[in-house]
PDB file of N, CA and C in Angstrom:
ATOM      1  N   UNK A   1     -21.263  -5.429   6.514  1.00  0.00           N
ATOM      2  CA  UNK A   1     -20.575  -5.484   7.575  1.00  0.00           C
ATOM      3  C   UNK A   1     -20.070  -4.097   8.213  1.00  0.00           C
ATOM      4  N   UNK A   2     -20.182  -3.487   9.244  1.00  0.00           N
ATOM      5  CA  UNK A   2     -19.688  -2.358   9.588  1.00  0.00           C
ATOM      6  C   UNK A   2     -18.136  -2.236   9.754  1.00  0.00           C
ATOM      7  N   UNK A   3     -17.461  -1.215   9.410  1.00  0.00           N
ATOM      8  CA  UNK A   3     -15.944  -1.338   9.771  1.00  0.00           C
ATOM      9  C   UNK A   3     -15.694  -1.297  11.235  1.00  0.00           C
ATOM     10  N   UNK A   4     -14.532  -2.053  11.720  1.00  0.00           N
ATOM     11  CA  UNK A   4     -14.092  -2.163  12.887  1.00  0.00           C
ATOM     12  C   UNK A   4     -13.652  -0.745  13.440  1.00  0.00           C
ATOM     13  N   UNK A   5     -13.508  -0.644  14.636  1.00  0.00           N
ATOM     14  CA  UNK A   5     -12.971   0.745  15.291  1.00  0.00           C
ATOM     15  C   UNK A   5     -11.554   0.849  14.916  1.00  0.00           C
ATOM     16  N   UNK A   6     -10.974   1.801  14.182  1.00  0.00           N
ATOM     17  CA  UNK A   6      -9.618   1.872  13.850  1.00  0.00           C
ATOM     18  C   UNK A   6      -8.672   1.786  14.882  1.00  0.00           C
ATOM     19  N   UNK A   7      -8.957   1.995  16.125  1.00  0.00           N
ATOM     20  CA  UNK A   7      -7.894   2.043  17.258  1.00  0.00           C
ATOM     21  C   UNK A   7      -7.963   0.568  17.630  1.00  0.00           C
ATOM     22  N   UNK A   8      -8.890  -0.316  17.479  1.00  0.00           N
ATOM     23  CA  UNK A   8      -8.941  -1.683  17.613  1.00  0.00           C
ATOM     24  C   UNK A   8      -7.750  -2.366  16.556  1.00  0.00           C
ATOM     25  N   UNK A   9      -8.118  -1.963  15.286  1.00  0.00           N
ATOM     26  CA  UNK A   9      -7.253  -2.606  14.219  1.00  0.00           C
ATOM     27  C   UNK A   9      -5.841  -2.246  14.444  1.00  0.00           C
ATOM     28  N   UNK A  10      -5.529  -0.986  14.848  1.00  0.00           N
ATOM     29  CA  UNK A  10      -4.111  -0.563  14.971  1.00  0.00           C
ATOM     30  C   UNK A  10      -3.565  -1.250  16.273  1.00  0.00           C
ATOM     31  N   UNK A  11      -4.236  -1.498  17.113  1.00  0.00           N
ATOM     32  CA  UNK A  11      -3.848  -2.276  18.382  1.00  0.00           C
ATOM     33  C   UNK A  11      -3.414  -3.844  17.960  1.00  0.00           C
ATOM     34  N   UNK A  12      -4.209  -4.295  17.110  1.00  0.00           N
ATOM     35  CA  UNK A  12      -4.115  -5.473  16.330  1.00  0.00           C
ATOM     36  C   UNK A  12      -2.614  -5.477  15.669  1.00  0.00           C
ATOM     37  N   UNK A  13      -2.330  -4.479  15.043  1.00  0.00           N
ATOM     38  CA  UNK A  13      -1.072  -4.416  14.236  1.00  0.00           C
ATOM     39  C   UNK A  13       0.043  -4.517  15.159  1.00  0.00           C
ATOM     40  N   UNK A  14      -0.111  -3.726  16.308  1.00  0.00           N
ATOM     41  CA  UNK A  14       0.901  -3.681  17.220  1.00  0.00           C
ATOM     42  C   UNK A  14       1.159  -5.100  17.947  1.00  0.00           C
ATOM     43  N   UNK A  15       0.038  -5.814  18.257  1.00  0.00           N
ATOM     44  CA  UNK A  15       0.180  -7.033  18.935  1.00  0.00           C
ATOM     45  C   UNK A  15       0.830  -8.292  18.124  1.00  0.00           C
ATOM     46  N   UNK A  16       0.491  -8.004  16.569  1.00  0.00           N
ATOM     47  CA  UNK A  16       0.962  -8.859  15.664  1.00  0.00           C
ATOM     48  C   UNK A  16       2.484  -8.518  15.438  1.00  0.00           C
ATOM     49  N   UNK A  17       2.868  -7.130  15.323  1.00  0.00           N
ATOM     50  CA  UNK A  17       4.074  -6.895  15.000  1.00  0.00           C
ATOM     51  C   UNK A  17       5.087  -7.210  16.490  1.00  0.00           C
ATOM     52  N   UNK A  18       4.686  -7.128  17.487  1.00  0.00           N
ATOM     53  CA  UNK A  18       5.204  -7.715  18.734  1.00  0.00           C
ATOM     54  C   UNK A  18       5.613  -9.218  18.767  1.00  0.00           C
ATOM     55  N   UNK A  19       4.408  -9.809  18.178  1.00  0.00           N
ATOM     56  CA  UNK A  19       4.591 -11.370  18.319  1.00  0.00           C
ATOM     57  C   UNK A  19       5.778 -11.702  17.202  1.00  0.00           C
ATOM     58  N   UNK A  20       5.731 -10.950  16.117  1.00  0.00           N
ATOM     59  CA  UNK A  20       6.748 -11.441  15.076  1.00  0.00           C
ATOM     60  C   UNK A  20       8.134 -10.984  15.803  1.00  0.00           C
ATOM     61  N   UNK A  21       8.297  -9.975  16.315  1.00  0.00           N
ATOM     62  CA  UNK A  21       9.594  -9.465  16.870  1.00  0.00           C
ATOM     63  C   UNK A  21      10.084 -10.573  18.083  1.00  0.00           C
ATOM     64  N   UNK A  22       9.047 -11.028  18.844  1.00  0.00           N
ATOM     65  CA  UNK A  22       9.492 -12.209  19.702  1.00  0.00           C
ATOM     66  C   UNK A  22       9.849 -13.276  19.063  1.00  0.00           C
ATOM     67  N   UNK A  23       9.126 -13.798  18.049  1.00  0.00           N
ATOM     68  CA  UNK A  23       9.288 -14.960  17.297  1.00  0.00           C
ATOM     69  C   UNK A  23      10.798 -14.972  16.798  1.00  0.00           C
ATOM     70  N   UNK A  24      11.186 -13.933  16.286  1.00  0.00           N
ATOM     71  CA  UNK A  24      12.528 -13.824  15.434  1.00  0.00           C
ATOM     72  C   UNK A  24      13.608 -13.375  16.437  1.00  0.00           C
ATOM     73  N   UNK A  25      13.331 -13.140  17.647  1.00  0.00           N
ATOM     74  CA  UNK A  25      14.477 -12.621  18.683  1.00  0.00           C
ATOM     75  C   UNK A  25      15.573 -13.778  18.441  1.00  0.00           C
ATOM     76  N   UNK A  26      16.643 -13.228  18.474  1.00  0.00           N
ATOM     77  CA  UNK A  26      17.926 -14.135  18.224  1.00  0.00           C
ATOM     78  C   UNK A  26      17.993 -15.018  17.159  1.00  0.00           C
ATOM     79  N   UNK A  27      17.225 -14.779  16.263  1.00  0.00           N
ATOM     80  CA  UNK A  27      17.269 -15.757  14.864  1.00  0.00           C
ATOM     81  C   UNK A  27      18.118 -14.789  13.830  1.00  0.00           C
ATOM     82  N   UNK A  28      18.612 -15.628  12.802  1.00  0.00           N
ATOM     83  CA  UNK A  28      19.178 -15.002  11.498  1.00  0.00           C
ATOM     84  C   UNK A  28      18.172 -15.285  10.407  1.00  0.00           C
ATOM     85  N   UNK A  29      18.669 -14.807   9.295  1.00  0.00           N
ATOM     86  CA  UNK A  29      17.997 -15.258   7.976  1.00  0.00           C
ATOM     87  C   UNK A  29      18.174 -16.570   8.036  1.00  0.00           C
ATOM     88  N   UNK A  30      19.355 -17.184   7.945  1.00  0.00           N
ATOM     89  CA  UNK A  30      19.624 -18.647   7.819  1.00  0.00           C
ATOM     90  C   UNK A  30      18.754 -19.569   8.641  1.00  0.00           C
ATOM     91  N   UNK A  31      18.721 -19.117   9.955  1.00  0.00           N
ATOM     92  CA  UNK A  31      17.778 -20.086  10.684  1.00  0.00           C
ATOM     93  C   UNK A  31      16.287 -19.906  10.470  1.00  0.00           C
ATOM     94  N   UNK A  32      15.954 -18.684   9.948  1.00  0.00           N
ATOM     95  CA  UNK A  32      14.594 -18.433   9.642  1.00  0.00           C
ATOM     96  C   UNK A  32      14.194 -19.369   8.311  1.00  0.00           C
ATOM     97  N   UNK A  33      15.176 -19.326   7.448  1.00  0.00           N
ATOM     98  CA  UNK A  33      14.958 -20.250   6.281  1.00  0.00           C
ATOM     99  C   UNK A  33      14.848 -21.692   6.491  1.00  0.00           C
ATOM    100  N   UNK A  34      15.594 -22.015   7.683  1.00  0.00           N
ATOM    101  CA  UNK A  34      15.476 -23.388   7.909  1.00  0.00           C
ATOM    102  C   UNK A  34      14.486 -23.961   8.746  1.00  0.00           C
ATOM    103  N   UNK A  35      13.547 -23.049   9.132  1.00  0.00           N
ATOM    104  CA  UNK A  35      12.607 -23.332  10.289  1.00  0.00           C
ATOM    105  C   UNK A  35      11.063 -23.065   9.644  1.00  0.00           C
ATOM    106  N   UNK A  36      10.428 -24.041   9.100  1.00  0.00           N
ATOM    107  CA  UNK A  36       9.163 -23.767   8.447  1.00  0.00           C
ATOM    108  C   UNK A  36       8.215 -23.407   9.390  1.00  0.00           C
ATOM    109  N   UNK A  37       8.043 -23.901  10.585  1.00  0.00           N
ATOM    110  CA  UNK A  37       7.275 -23.379  11.803  1.00  0.00           C
ATOM    111  C   UNK A  37       7.452 -21.865  11.952  1.00  0.00           C
ATOM    112  N   UNK A  38       8.592 -21.413  12.007  1.00  0.00           N
ATOM    113  CA  UNK A  38       8.961 -19.945  12.371  1.00  0.00           C
ATOM    114  C   UNK A  38       8.453 -19.322  11.100  1.00  0.00           C
ATOM    115  N   UNK A  39       8.762 -19.732   9.916  1.00  0.00           N
ATOM    116  CA  UNK A  39       8.259 -18.834   8.721  1.00  0.00           C
ATOM    117  C   UNK A  39       6.604 -18.841   8.649  1.00  0.00           C
ATOM    118  N   UNK A  40       6.140 -19.955   8.961  1.00  0.00           N
ATOM    119  CA  UNK A  40       4.693 -20.026   9.032  1.00  0.00           C
ATOM    120  C   UNK A  40       4.164 -18.921  10.140  1.00  0.00           C
ATOM    121  N   UNK A  41       4.555 -19.052  11.206  1.00  0.00           N
ATOM    122  CA  UNK A  41       4.150 -17.986  12.381  1.00  0.00           C
ATOM    123  C   UNK A  41       4.340 -16.606  11.874  1.00  0.00           C
ATOM    124  N   UNK A  42       5.511 -16.192  11.277  1.00  0.00           N
ATOM    125  CA  UNK A  42       5.791 -14.940  10.951  1.00  0.00           C
ATOM    126  C   UNK A  42       4.800 -14.359   9.877  1.00  0.00           C
ATOM    127  N   UNK A  43       4.573 -15.331   8.922  1.00  0.00           N
ATOM    128  CA  UNK A  43       3.870 -15.038   7.647  1.00  0.00           C
ATOM    129  C   UNK A  43       2.460 -14.741   8.319  1.00  0.00           C
ATOM    130  N   UNK A  44       1.898 -15.610   9.172  1.00  0.00           N
ATOM    131  CA  UNK A  44       0.517 -15.419   9.702  1.00  0.00           C
ATOM    132  C   UNK A  44       0.497 -14.193  10.481  1.00  0.00           C
ATOM    133  N   UNK A  45       1.353 -13.630  11.091  1.00  0.00           N
ATOM    134  CA  UNK A  45       1.396 -12.372  11.688  1.00  0.00           C
ATOM    135  C   UNK A  45       1.280 -11.280  10.923  1.00  0.00           C
ATOM    136  N   UNK A  46       1.973 -11.463   9.598  1.00  0.00           N
ATOM    137  CA  UNK A  46       2.009 -10.394   8.660  1.00  0.00           C
ATOM    138  C   UNK A  46       0.764 -10.331   8.044  1.00  0.00           C
ATOM    139  N   UNK A  47       0.010 -11.498   7.875  1.00  0.00           N
ATOM    140  CA  UNK A  47      -1.262 -11.569   7.315  1.00  0.00           C
ATOM    141  C   UNK A  47      -2.345 -10.662   8.173  1.00  0.00           C
ATOM    142  N   UNK A  48      -2.104 -10.767   9.448  1.00  0.00           N
ATOM    143  CA  UNK A  48      -2.942 -10.160  10.524  1.00  0.00           C
ATOM    144  C   UNK A  48      -2.641  -8.659  10.289  1.00  0.00           C
ATOM    145  N   UNK A  49      -1.419  -8.370  10.257  1.00  0.00           N
ATOM    146  CA  UNK A  49      -0.917  -6.907  10.170  1.00  0.00           C
ATOM    147  C   UNK A  49      -1.764  -6.418   8.811  1.00  0.00           C
ATOM    148  N   UNK A  50      -1.536  -6.826   7.829  1.00  0.00           N
ATOM    149  CA  UNK A  50      -2.166  -6.420   6.504  1.00  0.00           C
ATOM    150  C   UNK A  50      -3.753  -6.098   6.493  1.00  0.00           C
ATOM    151  N   UNK A  51      -4.244  -7.333   7.370  1.00  0.00           N
ATOM    152  CA  UNK A  51      -5.809  -7.321   7.182  1.00  0.00           C
ATOM    153  C   UNK A  51      -6.187  -6.299   8.261  1.00  0.00           C
ATOM    154  N   UNK A  52      -5.557  -6.178   9.415  1.00  0.00           N
ATOM    155  CA  UNK A  52      -6.089  -5.207  10.411  1.00  0.00           C
ATOM    156  C   UNK A  52      -5.899  -3.672   9.872  1.00  0.00           C
ATOM    157  N   UNK A  53      -4.686  -3.443   8.922  1.00  0.00           N
ATOM    158  CA  UNK A  53      -4.490  -2.197   8.241  1.00  0.00           C
ATOM    159  C   UNK A  53      -5.692  -1.766   7.185  1.00  0.00           C
ATOM    160  N   UNK A  54      -6.072  -2.925   6.446  1.00  0.00           N
ATOM    161  CA  UNK A  54      -7.003  -2.866   5.532  1.00  0.00           C
ATOM    162  C   UNK A  54      -8.441  -2.546   6.156  1.00  0.00           C
ATOM    163  N   UNK A  55      -8.643  -3.170   7.255  1.00  0.00           N
ATOM    164  CA  UNK A  55      -9.930  -2.777   8.103  1.00  0.00           C
ATOM    165  C   UNK A  55      -9.738  -1.455   8.597  1.00  0.00           C
ATOM    166  N   UNK A  56      -8.784  -1.053   9.167  1.00  0.00           N
ATOM    167  CA  UNK A  56      -8.564   0.226   9.818  1.00  0.00           C
ATOM    168  C   UNK A  56      -8.759   1.299   8.857  1.00  0.00           C
ATOM    169  N   UNK A  57      -8.224   1.022   7.645  1.00  0.00           N
ATOM    170  CA  UNK A  57      -8.304   2.021   6.425  1.00  0.00           C
ATOM    171  C   UNK A  57      -9.829   2.301   6.251  1.00  0.00           C
ATOM    172  N   UNK A  58     -10.678   1.195   6.222  1.00  0.00           N
ATOM    173  CA  UNK A  58     -12.066   1.275   5.953  1.00  0.00           C
ATOM    174  C   UNK A  58     -12.748   2.147   7.032  1.00  0.00           C
ATOM    175  N   UNK A  59     -12.272   1.993   8.294  1.00  0.00           N
ATOM    176  CA  UNK A  59     -12.728   2.878   9.384  1.00  0.00           C
ATOM    177  C   UNK A  59     -12.428   4.185   9.421  1.00  0.00           C
ATOM    178  N   UNK A  60     -11.120   4.421   8.946  1.00  0.00           N
ATOM    179  CA  UNK A  60     -10.623   5.814   8.971  1.00  0.00           C
ATOM    180  C   UNK A  60      -9.416   5.927   8.123  1.00  0.00           C
ATOM    181  N   UNK A  61      -9.718   6.086   6.776  1.00  0.00           N
ATOM    182  CA  UNK A  61      -8.652   6.165   5.765  1.00  0.00           C
ATOM    183  C   UNK A  61      -7.617   7.314   5.948  1.00  0.00           C
ATOM    184  N   UNK A  62      -7.882   8.420   6.453  1.00  0.00           N
ATOM    185  CA  UNK A  62      -7.095   9.467   6.783  1.00  0.00           C
ATOM    186  C   UNK A  62      -6.117   9.132   7.873  1.00  0.00           C
ATOM    187  N   UNK A  63      -6.422   8.696   9.016  1.00  0.00           N
ATOM    188  CA  UNK A  63      -5.644   8.218   9.956  1.00  0.00           C
ATOM    189  C   UNK A  63      -4.554   7.068   9.640  1.00  0.00           C
ATOM    190  N   UNK A  64      -5.261   5.929   9.032  1.00  0.00           N
ATOM    191  CA  UNK A  64      -4.385   4.984   8.566  1.00  0.00           C
ATOM    192  C   UNK A  64      -3.280   5.410   7.406  1.00  0.00           C
ATOM    193  N   UNK A  65      -3.876   6.289   6.585  1.00  0.00           N
ATOM    194  CA  UNK A  65      -2.987   6.814   5.698  1.00  0.00           C
ATOM    195  C   UNK A  65      -1.868   7.584   6.131  1.00  0.00           C
ATOM    196  N   UNK A  66      -1.639   7.831   7.437  1.00  0.00           N
ATOM    197  CA  UNK A  66      -0.480   8.516   8.006  1.00  0.00           C
ATOM    198  C   UNK A  66       0.660   7.362   8.170  1.00  0.00           C
ATOM    199  N   UNK A  67       0.357   6.141   8.032  1.00  0.00           N
ATOM    200  CA  UNK A  67       1.125   5.100   8.323  1.00  0.00           C
ATOM    201  C   UNK A  67       2.001   4.852   6.910  1.00  0.00           C
ATOM    202  N   UNK A  68       3.386   4.950   7.006  1.00  0.00           N
ATOM    203  CA  UNK A  68       4.152   4.786   5.883  1.00  0.00           C
ATOM    204  C   UNK A  68       4.018   3.328   5.278  1.00  0.00           C
ATOM    205  N   UNK A  69       3.819   3.476   3.856  1.00  0.00           N
ATOM    206  CA  UNK A  69       3.799   2.126   3.091  1.00  0.00           C
ATOM    207  C   UNK A  69       2.732   1.380   3.419  1.00  0.00           C
ATOM    208  N   UNK A  70       1.620   1.880   3.808  1.00  0.00           N
ATOM    209  CA  UNK A  70       0.267   1.123   4.151  1.00  0.00           C
ATOM    210  C   UNK A  70      -0.139   0.423   3.138  1.00  0.00           C
ATOM    211  N   UNK A  71      -0.156   0.952   1.842  1.00  0.00           N
ATOM    212  CA  UNK A  71      -0.688   0.229   0.679  1.00  0.00           C
ATOM    213  C   UNK A  71       0.376  -0.796   0.335  1.00  0.00           C
ATOM    214  N   UNK A  72       1.566  -0.793   0.575  1.00  0.00           N
ATOM    215  CA  UNK A  72       2.653  -1.792   0.281  1.00  0.00           C
ATOM    216  C   UNK A  72       2.344  -3.119   1.343  1.00  0.00           C
ATOM    217  N   UNK A  73       2.019  -2.552   2.506  1.00  0.00           N
ATOM    218  CA  UNK A  73       1.896  -3.611   3.655  1.00  0.00           C
ATOM    219  C   UNK A  73       0.564  -4.495   3.337  1.00  0.00           C
ATOM    220  N   UNK A  74      -0.514  -3.809   2.807  1.00  0.00           N
ATOM    221  CA  UNK A  74      -1.717  -4.531   2.570  1.00  0.00           C
ATOM    222  C   UNK A  74      -1.548  -5.501   1.210  1.00  0.00           C
ATOM    223  N   UNK A  75      -0.751  -4.748   0.452  1.00  0.00           N
ATOM    224  CA  UNK A  75      -0.428  -5.697  -0.757  1.00  0.00           C
ATOM    225  C   UNK A  75       0.538  -6.893  -0.424  1.00  0.00           C
ATOM    226  N   UNK A  76       1.157  -6.733   0.516  1.00  0.00           N
ATOM    227  CA  UNK A  76       2.249  -7.936   0.948  1.00  0.00           C
ATOM    228  C   UNK A  76       1.282  -8.916   1.538  1.00  0.00           C
ATOM    229  N   UNK A  77       0.366  -8.483   2.324  1.00  0.00           N
ATOM    230  CA  UNK A  77      -0.665  -9.325   2.998  1.00  0.00           C
ATOM    231  C   UNK A  77      -1.327 -10.171   1.835  1.00  0.00           C
ATOM    232  N   UNK A  78      -1.842  -9.406   0.828  1.00  0.00           N
ATOM    233  CA  UNK A  78      -2.433 -10.208  -0.274  1.00  0.00           C
ATOM    234  C   UNK A  78      -1.657 -11.269  -1.014  1.00  0.00           C
ATOM    235  N   UNK A  79      -0.325 -10.824  -1.161  1.00  0.00           N
ATOM    236  CA  UNK A  79       0.679 -11.896  -1.692  1.00  0.00           C
ATOM    237  C   UNK A  79       0.693 -12.944  -0.699  1.00  0.00           C
ATOM    238  N   UNK A  80       0.936 -12.856   0.376  1.00  0.00           N
ATOM    239  CA  UNK A  80       1.014 -13.973   1.259  1.00  0.00           C
ATOM    240  C   UNK A  80      -0.241 -14.911   1.237  1.00  0.00           C
ATOM    241  N   UNK A  81      -1.345 -14.141   1.205  1.00  0.00           N
ATOM    242  CA  UNK A  81      -2.537 -14.973   1.158  1.00  0.00           C
ATOM    243  C   UNK A  81      -2.799 -15.789  -0.362  1.00  0.00           C
ATOM    244  N   UNK A  82      -2.840 -14.839  -1.282  1.00  0.00           N
ATOM    245  CA  UNK A  82      -3.124 -15.416  -2.661  1.00  0.00           C
ATOM    246  C   UNK A  82      -2.167 -15.831  -3.446  1.00  0.00           C
ATOM    247  N   UNK A  83      -1.114 -15.518  -3.116  1.00  0.00           N
ATOM    248  CA  UNK A  83       0.143 -15.793  -3.948  1.00  0.00           C
ATOM    249  C   UNK A  83       1.253 -16.509  -3.189  1.00  0.00           C
ATOM    250  N   UNK A  84       0.659 -17.408  -2.323  1.00  0.00           N
ATOM    251  CA  UNK A  84       1.593 -18.185  -1.496  1.00  0.00           C
ATOM    252  C   UNK A  84       2.593 -19.019  -1.901  1.00  0.00           C
ATOM    253  N   UNK A  85       2.441 -19.570  -3.152  1.00  0.00           N
ATOM    254  CA  UNK A  85       3.406 -20.393  -3.911  1.00  0.00           C
ATOM    255  C   UNK A  85       4.711 -19.448  -4.461  1.00  0.00           C
ATOM    256  N   UNK A  86       4.351 -18.045  -4.288  1.00  0.00           N
ATOM    257  CA  UNK A  86       5.519 -17.219  -4.812  1.00  0.00           C
ATOM    258  C   UNK A  86       5.988 -16.331  -3.861  1.00  0.00           C
ATOM    259  N   UNK A  87       5.919 -16.715  -2.578  1.00  0.00           N
ATOM    260  CA  UNK A  87       6.426 -15.853  -1.429  1.00  0.00           C
ATOM    261  C   UNK A  87       8.024 -16.077  -1.181  1.00  0.00           C
ATOM    262  N   UNK A  88       8.600 -15.024  -1.198  1.00  0.00           N
ATOM    263  CA  UNK A  88      10.056 -15.113  -1.147  1.00  0.00           C
ATOM    264  C   UNK A  88      10.215 -14.790   0.401  1.00  0.00           C
ATOM    265  N   UNK A  89      10.941 -15.887   0.947  1.00  0.00           N
ATOM    266  CA  UNK A  89      11.354 -15.757   2.208  1.00  0.00           C
ATOM    267  C   UNK A  89      12.213 -14.701   2.873  1.00  0.00           C
ATOM    268  N   UNK A  90      13.125 -14.297   1.628  1.00  0.00           N
ATOM    269  CA  UNK A  90      14.029 -13.266   1.914  1.00  0.00           C
ATOM    270  C   UNK A  90      13.470 -11.887   1.956  1.00  0.00           C
ATOM    271  N   UNK A  91      12.314 -11.762   1.316  1.00  0.00           N
ATOM    272  CA  UNK A  91      11.554 -10.598   1.136  1.00  0.00           C
ATOM    273  C   UNK A  91      10.804 -10.433   2.597  1.00  0.00           C
ATOM    274  N   UNK A  92      10.308 -11.492   2.923  1.00  0.00           N
ATOM    275  CA  UNK A  92       9.383 -11.556   4.354  1.00  0.00           C
ATOM    276  C   UNK A  92      10.499 -11.115   5.399  1.00  0.00           C
ATOM    277  N   UNK A  93      11.699 -11.816   5.582  1.00  0.00           N
ATOM    278  CA  UNK A  93      12.774 -11.351   6.292  1.00  0.00           C
ATOM    279  C   UNK A  93      12.963  -9.884   6.389  1.00  0.00           C
ATOM    280  N   UNK A  94      13.128  -9.439   5.068  1.00  0.00           N
ATOM    281  CA  UNK A  94      13.530  -8.069   5.050  1.00  0.00           C
ATOM    282  C   UNK A  94      12.306  -7.210   5.745  1.00  0.00           C
ATOM    283  N   UNK A  95      10.978  -7.627   5.462  1.00  0.00           N
ATOM    284  CA  UNK A  95      10.018  -6.953   6.224  1.00  0.00           C
ATOM    285  C   UNK A  95       9.870  -7.053   7.796  1.00  0.00           C
ATOM    286  N   UNK A  96      10.540  -8.038   8.169  1.00  0.00           N
ATOM    287  CA  UNK A  96      10.770  -8.166   9.668  1.00  0.00           C
ATOM    288  C   UNK A  96      11.618  -7.104  10.130  1.00  0.00           C
ATOM    289  N   UNK A  97      12.633  -6.884   9.303  1.00  0.00           N
ATOM    290  CA  UNK A  97      13.499  -5.672   9.734  1.00  0.00           C
ATOM    291  C   UNK A  97      13.009  -4.391   9.670  1.00  0.00           C
ATOM    292  N   UNK A  98      12.015  -4.141   8.955  1.00  0.00           N
ATOM    293  CA  UNK A  98      11.241  -2.953   8.772  1.00  0.00           C
ATOM    294  C   UNK A  98      10.070  -2.790   9.919  1.00  0.00           C
ATOM    295  N   UNK A  99       9.919  -3.648  10.726  1.00  0.00           N
ATOM    296  CA  UNK A  99       8.830  -3.570  11.753  1.00  0.00           C
ATOM    297  C   UNK A  99       9.095  -2.278  12.614  1.00  0.00           C
ATOM    298  N   UNK A 100      10.308  -2.076  13.292  1.00  0.00           N
ATOM    299  CA  UNK A 100      10.456  -0.697  14.093  1.00  0.00           C
ATOM    300  C   UNK A 100       9.591   0.418  13.545  1.00  0.00           C
ATOM    301  N   UNK A 101       9.761   0.669  12.201  1.00  0.00           N
ATOM    302  CA  UNK A 101       9.269   1.812  11.552  1.00  0.00           C
ATOM    303  C   UNK A 101       7.665   1.756  11.659  1.00  0.00           C
ATOM    304  N   UNK A 102       7.254   0.665  11.316  1.00  0.00           N
ATOM    305  CA  UNK A 102       5.622   0.283  11.410  1.00  0.00           C
ATOM    306  C   UNK A 102       5.223   0.473  12.745  1.00  0.00           C
ATOM    307  N   UNK A 103       5.837   0.041  13.622  1.00  0.00           N
ATOM    308  CA  UNK A 103       5.376   0.105  15.125  1.00  0.00           C
ATOM    309  C   UNK A 103       5.465   1.685  15.558  1.00  0.00           C
ATOM    310  N   UNK A 104       6.472   2.445  15.232  1.00  0.00           N
ATOM    311  CA  UNK A 104       6.550   3.850  15.622  1.00  0.00           C
ATOM    312  C   UNK A 104       5.417   4.475  14.820  1.00  0.00           C
ATOM    313  N   UNK A 105       5.058   4.313  13.601  1.00  0.00           N
ATOM    314  CA  UNK A 105       4.171   4.801  12.852  1.00  0.00           C
ATOM    315  C   UNK A 105       2.651   4.629  13.488  1.00  0.00           C
ATOM    316  N   UNK A 106       2.280   3.305  13.813  1.00  0.00           N
ATOM    317  CA  UNK A 106       1.262   3.001  14.459  1.00  0.00           C
ATOM    318  C   UNK A 106       1.055   3.614  15.669  1.00  0.00           C
ATOM    319  N   UNK A 107       1.983   3.697  16.666  1.00  0.00           N
ATOM    320  CA  UNK A 107       1.957   4.199  17.815  1.00  0.00           C
ATOM    321  C   UNK A 107       1.559   5.720  17.868  1.00  0.00           C
ATOM    322  N   UNK A 108       2.316   6.244  16.862  1.00  0.00           N
ATOM    323  CA  UNK A 108       2.035   7.789  16.445  1.00  0.00           C
ATOM    324  C   UNK A 108       0.706   8.025  16.038  1.00  0.00           C
ATOM    325  N   UNK A 109       0.100   7.181  15.379  1.00  0.00           N
ATOM    326  CA  UNK A 109      -1.454   7.377  15.051  1.00  0.00           C
ATOM    327  C   UNK A 109      -2.379   7.044  16.016  1.00  0.00           C
ATOM    328  N   UNK A 110      -1.853   6.262  17.214  1.00  0.00           N
ATOM    329  CA  UNK A 110      -2.611   6.116  18.268  1.00  0.00           C
ATOM    330  C   UNK A 110      -2.515   6.913  19.280  1.00  0.00           C
ATOM    331  N   UNK A 111      -1.490   7.957  19.081  1.00  0.00           N
ATOM    332  CA  UNK A 111      -1.256   8.958  19.883  1.00  0.00           C
ATOM    333  C   UNK A 111      -0.337   8.680  21.113  1.00  0.00           C
ATOM    334  N   UNK A 112       0.481   7.641  20.879  1.00  0.00           N
ATOM    335  CA  UNK A 112       1.326   6.964  21.991  1.00  0.00           C
ATOM    336  C   UNK A 112       2.684   7.525  21.889  1.00  0.00           C
ATOM    337  N   UNK A 113       2.903   8.202  20.764  1.00  0.00           N
ATOM    338  CA  UNK A 113       4.289   8.717  20.690  1.00  0.00           C
ATOM    339  C   UNK A 113       4.268  10.111  20.585  1.00  0.00           C
TER     340      UNK A 113
END
């Protein structure tokens, strides 16, 4: 399989990050913990972010390598997919709070900042 275009992958990251931010707008950790549909939606978008970065890295490792914590983000995706029984909802919420940094890094990589 041929690697996807890195710009498409990075755009997918932005789309998923935007979705998470819309989902959690006006939510708190407590409301997040009490809403299994919201938790599922957020986790799915993080899975997309991690996979898009993984595919983007295959297409252009140097460019994707400029994104802070890219390996940890991909590892987080793997944890969500393969270690689903061990997912810590408070860690997921903590990653929600880190999305502005990721968005900024991805926009910079795309030449938008």
